[in-house]
Amino acid sequence: MKEYVNMQGRLLLQLSNRDGQIVQQQRVKNRIVTTGRMLVAEHFTGQSAGDPPEPVSHMAVGEGGTAATDADMALETPRGDRNPITGITTETFNDGGIARVRVTLQTVFDFGQVNNPAVPLREAGIFTDVTGSVMYNRVVFEPVTKTDSFRLTLFWEIIF
């Protein structure tokens, strides 16, 4: 049997109105960038070039529509503050005879956050902190117009 680590992730994005109805939903595969892979390697070995690595703790959204690459270290055009991850679930599942681990992270950009009806959101990422920090992954998705009439919930699934 050949075993390999194939980290992968995908985002479930839900835009809901004030009545709680989901008005837009997208599932999009993301790109785990080089800094994210290095973060996992540093956690695994306990070694890093500087301070000990921090776990992922925040998500951010932005307006950039350029395709994600391994070299990305930040969102192309961030909008608003990074939000803390408010929900984490972990489960194991069978993937063709190999036990995998799925971690799902959640954050909510509430009605008063990241609004701009003139420019849609197009990108998101997971980070280790509020500022500076390390970007773990980035995704570009179909345009989402966020106004104060909508809540944006991100469910990010990472498979190890």
C-alpha atoms as a PDB file:
ATOM      1  CA  MET A   1       0.000   0.000   0.000  1.00  0.00           C
ATOM      2  CA  LYS A   2       1.263   3.446  -0.896  1.00  0.00           C
ATOM      3  CA  GLU A   3       0.525   6.164   1.663  1.00  0.00           C
ATOM      4  CA  TYR A   4       0.891   9.883   1.167  1.00  0.00           C
ATOM      5  CA  VAL A   5      -0.321  13.042   2.822  1.00  0.00           C
ATOM      6  CA  ASN A   6      -2.667  14.834   0.483  1.00  0.00           C
ATOM      7  CA  MET A   7      -3.879  17.888   2.385  1.00  0.00           C
ATOM      8  CA  GLN A   8      -6.819  19.482   0.670  1.00  0.00           C
ATOM      9  CA  GLY A   9      -9.585  21.865   1.496  1.00  0.00           C
ATOM     10  CA  ARG A  10     -12.808  23.346   0.297  1.00  0.00           C
ATOM     11  CA  LEU A  11     -14.984  26.215   1.326  1.00  0.00           C
ATOM     12  CA  LEU A  12     -18.737  26.208   1.795  1.00  0.00           C
ATOM     13  CA  LEU A  13     -19.870  29.814   1.636  1.00  0.00           C
ATOM     14  CA  GLN A  14     -23.429  30.727   2.647  1.00  0.00           C
ATOM     15  CA  LEU A  15     -25.075  34.129   2.346  1.00  0.00           C
ATOM     16  CA  SER A  16     -28.260  34.340   4.409  1.00  0.00           C
ATOM     17  CA  ASN A  17     -30.848  37.059   4.884  1.00  0.00           C
ATOM     18  CA  ARG A  18     -32.199  38.445   8.172  1.00  0.00           C
ATOM     19  CA  ASP A  19     -34.832  35.672   8.265  1.00  0.00           C
ATOM     20  CA  GLY A  20     -32.055  33.068   8.239  1.00  0.00           C
ATOM     21  CA  GLN A  21     -32.828  31.875   4.701  1.00  0.00           C
ATOM     22  CA  ILE A  22     -29.798  30.951   2.602  1.00  0.00           C
ATOM     23  CA  VAL A  23     -29.980  33.088  -0.540  1.00  0.00           C
ATOM     24  CA  GLN A  24     -26.631  32.120  -2.063  1.00  0.00           C
ATOM     25  CA  GLN A  25     -24.358  29.136  -1.526  1.00  0.00           C
ATOM     26  CA  GLN A  26     -21.090  28.014  -3.113  1.00  0.00           C
ATOM     27  CA  ARG A  27     -18.706  25.086  -2.619  1.00  0.00           C
ATOM     28  CA  VAL A  28     -15.214  25.811  -3.869  1.00  0.00           C
ATOM     29  CA  LYS A  29     -11.939  23.899  -3.633  1.00  0.00           C
ATOM     30  CA  ASN A  30      -9.132  25.976  -2.182  1.00  0.00           C
ATOM     31  CA  ARG A  31      -5.374  26.119  -2.579  1.00  0.00           C
ATOM     32  CA  ILE A  32      -3.209  25.307   0.413  1.00  0.00           C
ATOM     33  CA  VAL A  33      -0.327  27.700  -0.170  1.00  0.00           C
ATOM     34  CA  THR A  34       3.365  27.090   0.561  1.00  0.00           C
ATOM     35  CA  THR A  35       3.244  29.090   3.803  1.00  0.00           C
ATOM     36  CA  GLY A  36       0.355  26.891   4.938  1.00  0.00           C
ATOM     37  CA  ARG A  37       2.210  23.688   4.142  1.00  0.00           C
ATOM     38  CA  MET A  38       5.248  25.044   6.004  1.00  0.00           C
ATOM     39  CA  LEU A  39       3.006  25.849   8.977  1.00  0.00           C
ATOM     40  CA  VAL A  40       1.851  22.219   9.130  1.00  0.00           C
ATOM     41  CA  ALA A  41       5.451  20.966   8.794  1.00  0.00           C
ATOM     42  CA  GLU A  42       6.607  23.274  11.602  1.00  0.00           C
ATOM     43  CA  HIS A  43       3.807  22.097  13.888  1.00  0.00           C
ATOM     44  CA  PHE A  44       4.694  18.483  13.090  1.00  0.00           C
ATOM     45  CA  THR A  45       8.392  18.912  13.870  1.00  0.00           C
ATOM     46  CA  GLY A  46       8.136  21.608  16.539  1.00  0.00           C
ATOM     47  CA  GLN A  47      10.731  23.617  14.635  1.00  0.00           C
ATOM     48  CA  SER A  48      10.475  26.991  12.968  1.00  0.00           C
ATOM     49  CA  ALA A  49      12.763  29.746  11.735  1.00  0.00           C
ATOM     50  CA  GLY A  50      11.452  32.161  14.401  1.00  0.00           C
ATOM     51  CA  ASP A  51       8.860  32.027  17.140  1.00  0.00           C
ATOM     52  CA  PRO A  52       6.978  28.759  17.601  1.00  0.00           C
ATOM     53  CA  PRO A  53       4.194  28.446  15.012  1.00  0.00           C
ATOM     54  CA  GLU A  54       0.696  29.494  16.040  1.00  0.00           C
ATOM     55  CA  PRO A  55      -2.452  27.591  15.065  1.00  0.00           C
ATOM     56  CA  VAL A  56      -4.897  29.020  12.563  1.00  0.00           C
ATOM     57  CA  SER A  57      -7.386  31.279  14.326  1.00  0.00           C
ATOM     58  CA  HIS A  58      -8.950  33.740  11.844  1.00  0.00           C
ATOM     59  CA  MET A  59     -10.562  33.989   8.426  1.00  0.00           C
ATOM     60  CA  ALA A  60     -10.628  36.950   6.067  1.00  0.00           C
ATOM     61  CA  VAL A  61     -12.441  37.891   2.886  1.00  0.00           C
ATOM     62  CA  GLY A  62     -11.499  40.185   0.044  1.00  0.00           C
ATOM     63  CA  GLU A  63     -12.200  41.490  -3.423  1.00  0.00           C
ATOM     64  CA  GLY A  64      -9.302  39.950  -5.388  1.00  0.00           C
ATOM     65  CA  GLY A  65     -10.211  37.677  -8.262  1.00  0.00           C
ATOM     66  CA  THR A  66      -6.778  36.486  -9.407  1.00  0.00           C
ATOM     67  CA  ALA A  67      -6.439  32.701  -9.196  1.00  0.00           C
ATOM     68  CA  ALA A  68      -4.715  31.388  -6.065  1.00  0.00           C
ATOM     69  CA  THR A  69      -1.080  30.239  -6.377  1.00  0.00           C
ATOM     70  CA  ASP A  70       1.362  28.420  -4.106  1.00  0.00           C
ATOM     71  CA  ALA A  71       3.275  31.689  -3.617  1.00  0.00           C
ATOM     72  CA  ASP A  72       0.311  33.653  -2.204  1.00  0.00           C
ATOM     73  CA  MET A  73       1.068  35.029   1.267  1.00  0.00           C
ATOM     74  CA  ALA A  74      -1.950  37.317   1.693  1.00  0.00           C
ATOM     75  CA  LEU A  75      -5.304  38.058   0.149  1.00  0.00           C
ATOM     76  CA  GLU A  76      -5.052  40.142  -2.999  1.00  0.00           C
ATOM     77  CA  THR A  77      -7.456  42.876  -1.819  1.00  0.00           C
ATOM     78  CA  PRO A  78      -8.652  42.278   1.766  1.00  0.00           C
ATOM     79  CA  ARG A  79     -11.888  43.851   2.975  1.00  0.00           C
ATOM     80  CA  GLY A  80     -12.531  44.536   6.654  1.00  0.00           C
ATOM     81  CA  ASP A  81     -10.980  42.866   9.662  1.00  0.00           C
ATOM     82  CA  ARG A  82     -10.163  39.198  10.006  1.00  0.00           C
ATOM     83  CA  ASN A  83     -12.789  37.354  12.012  1.00  0.00           C
ATOM     84  CA  PRO A  84     -12.000  34.743  14.644  1.00  0.00           C
ATOM     85  CA  ILE A  85     -12.837  31.126  13.942  1.00  0.00           C
ATOM     86  CA  THR A  86     -15.911  30.435  16.085  1.00  0.00           C
ATOM     87  CA  GLY A  87     -16.502  26.750  15.433  1.00  0.00           C
ATOM     88  CA  ILE A  88     -14.201  23.743  15.022  1.00  0.00           C
ATOM     89  CA  THR A  89     -15.200  20.118  14.450  1.00  0.00           C
ATOM     90  CA  THR A  90     -12.917  17.159  13.816  1.00  0.00           C
ATOM     91  CA  GLU A  91     -13.842  13.725  12.503  1.00  0.00           C
ATOM     92  CA  THR A  92     -12.204  10.697  10.924  1.00  0.00           C
ATOM     93  CA  PHE A  93     -13.472   8.988   7.789  1.00  0.00           C
ATOM     94  CA  ASN A  94     -12.422   6.182   5.460  1.00  0.00           C
ATOM     95  CA  ASP A  95     -10.953   7.199   2.113  1.00  0.00           C
ATOM     96  CA  GLY A  96     -10.323   4.057   0.069  1.00  0.00           C
ATOM     97  CA  GLY A  97      -8.964   2.113   3.043  1.00  0.00           C
ATOM     98  CA  ILE A  98      -7.016   5.032   4.517  1.00  0.00           C
ATOM     99  CA  ALA A  99      -8.249   6.767   7.659  1.00  0.00           C
ATOM    100  CA  ARG A 100      -8.353  10.521   7.002  1.00  0.00           C
ATOM    101  CA  VAL A 101      -9.064  13.412   9.356  1.00  0.00           C
ATOM    102  CA  ARG A 102     -11.492  16.184   8.407  1.00  0.00           C
ATOM    103  CA  VAL A 103     -11.398  19.473  10.294  1.00  0.00           C
ATOM    104  CA  THR A 104     -14.201  21.972   9.680  1.00  0.00           C
ATOM    105  CA  LEU A 105     -13.672  25.583  10.709  1.00  0.00           C
ATOM    106  CA  GLN A 106     -16.452  28.175  10.821  1.00  0.00           C
ATOM    107  CA  THR A 107     -16.647  31.948  11.016  1.00  0.00           C
ATOM    108  CA  VAL A 108     -19.436  34.460  10.474  1.00  0.00           C
ATOM    109  CA  PHE A 109     -19.233  37.921   8.926  1.00  0.00           C
ATOM    110  CA  ASP A 110     -22.340  39.471  10.424  1.00  0.00           C
ATOM    111  CA  PHE A 111     -24.779  41.991   8.937  1.00  0.00           C
ATOM    112  CA  GLY A 112     -22.612  45.020   9.757  1.00  0.00           C
ATOM    113  CA  GLN A 113     -19.297  43.571   8.524  1.00  0.00           C
ATOM    114  CA  VAL A 114     -17.416  43.683   5.171  1.00  0.00           C
ATOM    115  CA  ASN A 115     -20.251  45.453   3.364  1.00  0.00           C
ATOM    116  CA  ASN A 116     -19.845  47.198   0.012  1.00  0.00           C
ATOM    117  CA  PRO A 117     -22.685  46.822  -2.487  1.00  0.00           C
ATOM    118  CA  ALA A 118     -20.516  48.351  -5.248  1.00  0.00           C
ATOM    119  CA  VAL A 119     -17.713  45.741  -5.122  1.00  0.00           C
ATOM    120  CA  PRO A 120     -18.374  42.007  -4.619  1.00  0.00           C
ATOM    121  CA  LEU A 121     -16.320  39.681  -2.468  1.00  0.00           C
ATOM    122  CA  ARG A 122     -14.268  37.172  -4.495  1.00  0.00           C
ATOM    123  CA  GLU A 123     -11.635  35.645  -2.174  1.00  0.00           C
ATOM    124  CA  ALA A 124     -11.081  34.242   1.312  1.00  0.00           C
ATOM    125  CA  GLY A 125      -8.272  32.797   3.399  1.00  0.00           C
ATOM    126  CA  ILE A 126      -7.399  31.249   6.757  1.00  0.00           C
ATOM    127  CA  PHE A 127      -4.745  32.903   8.947  1.00  0.00           C
ATOM    128  CA  THR A 128      -2.855  32.318  12.196  1.00  0.00           C
ATOM    129  CA  ASP A 129      -3.585  35.746  13.666  1.00  0.00           C
ATOM    130  CA  VAL A 130      -5.418  39.047  13.304  1.00  0.00           C
ATOM    131  CA  THR A 131      -2.501  40.921  11.698  1.00  0.00           C
ATOM    132  CA  GLY A 132       0.769  39.909  10.054  1.00  0.00           C
ATOM    133  CA  SER A 133       0.708  36.167  10.567  1.00  0.00           C
ATOM    134  CA  VAL A 134       0.734  33.232   8.185  1.00  0.00           C
ATOM    135  CA  MET A 135      -1.871  32.541   5.501  1.00  0.00           C
ATOM    136  CA  TYR A 136      -2.687  28.823   5.384  1.00  0.00           C
ATOM    137  CA  ASN A 137      -4.806  28.798   2.227  1.00  0.00           C
ATOM    138  CA  ARG A 138      -6.654  30.961  -0.258  1.00  0.00           C
ATOM    139  CA  VAL A 139      -9.707  30.485  -2.430  1.00  0.00           C
ATOM    140  CA  VAL A 140     -11.283  32.543  -5.194  1.00  0.00           C
ATOM    141  CA  PHE A 141     -15.031  32.154  -5.669  1.00  0.00           C
ATOM    142  CA  GLU A 142     -17.880  33.539  -7.775  1.00  0.00           C
ATOM    143  CA  PRO A 143     -18.769  37.144  -6.814  1.00  0.00           C
ATOM    144  CA  VAL A 144     -20.811  37.657  -3.641  1.00  0.00           C
ATOM    145  CA  THR A 145     -22.427  41.029  -2.982  1.00  0.00           C
ATOM    146  CA  LYS A 146     -22.375  41.613   0.781  1.00  0.00           C
ATOM    147  CA  THR A 147     -24.598  44.328   2.267  1.00  0.00           C
ATOM    148  CA  ASP A 148     -26.032  44.892   5.743  1.00  0.00           C
ATOM    149  CA  SER A 149     -29.051  42.811   4.694  1.00  0.00           C
ATOM    150  CA  PHE A 150     -26.961  39.619   4.682  1.00  0.00           C
ATOM    151  CA  ARG A 151     -24.828  37.459   6.964  1.00  0.00           C
ATOM    152  CA  LEU A 152     -21.905  35.580   5.379  1.00  0.00           C
ATOM    153  CA  THR A 153     -20.942  32.254   6.956  1.00  0.00           C
ATOM    154  CA  LEU A 154     -17.796  30.387   5.920  1.00  0.00           C
ATOM    155  CA  PHE A 155     -17.406  26.662   6.622  1.00  0.00           C
ATOM    156  CA  TRP A 156     -13.891  25.576   5.699  1.00  0.00           C
ATOM    157  CA  GLU A 157     -13.171  21.875   5.449  1.00  0.00           C
ATOM    158  CA  ILE A 158      -9.536  20.730   5.564  1.00  0.00           C
ATOM    159  CA  ILE A 159      -8.661  17.075   4.997  1.00  0.00           C
ATOM    160  CA  PHE A 160      -5.437  15.488   6.252  1.00  0.00           C
END
